[in-house]
Amino acid sequence: MAPTARRAAKGTIVTSPAGSPARGFTLIELMLVLMLMAIASVIVLPNIEKGMQDREVRRSALGLAAAARNLRSRAIEEGMPQLLVLDIEQNNYRAARGAEVHLPVDVKFAAVVGGEILDGEARQFVFFPNGSSHGGSIALSGGHGISYAIRLQPLTGKIQVVPGEKS
């Protein structure tokens, strides 16, 4: 066997001097990106806050409507009238068996129409065994003019949650 000769490696090595402007970002580019991010946050953050407040009001309205539907169902099932008591001054409501529910701090009773007026700022809605109720409307509002109305139909007992109503 004949000895094999090593071949010399041929190749090109590319080096770039330190501090070359070929890589990285300039200070002006970084400042421009930061300025665009600041402008975007000024636009987006208030909308996020409004969305959070809308969610609180909607969740409270849906919770109140669920309590009213539960009372209507119990009145039909048990054959006895059930009471939903709103304490507007204390910003809470009481469903059956004295379970008191406080609304979040930012959510208030905007308007209450119908029901029976009790002491001071309290209202009472009665759900009857035949499925009917006193009827009326309960409006909840939050910041930025966000509101939801819970409508109680007197004859059918139907309970609806409607966004954006002030009544």
Foldseek 3Di string as FASTA:
>chain_A
DDDDDDDDDDDDDDDDDPPDPPDDDDPVVVVVVVVVVVVVCVVVVVVVVVVVQLVLQVVVLVVVLVLLVVQLVCQQVVVHKWKWKAQQVQQWIAGPPGDIDHRDPQKHWLDWFWADDDPDRMGMKIHHNVSFIRWTKIKMAGPPQWIWIWTQHGPNRDIDIGTDDRD
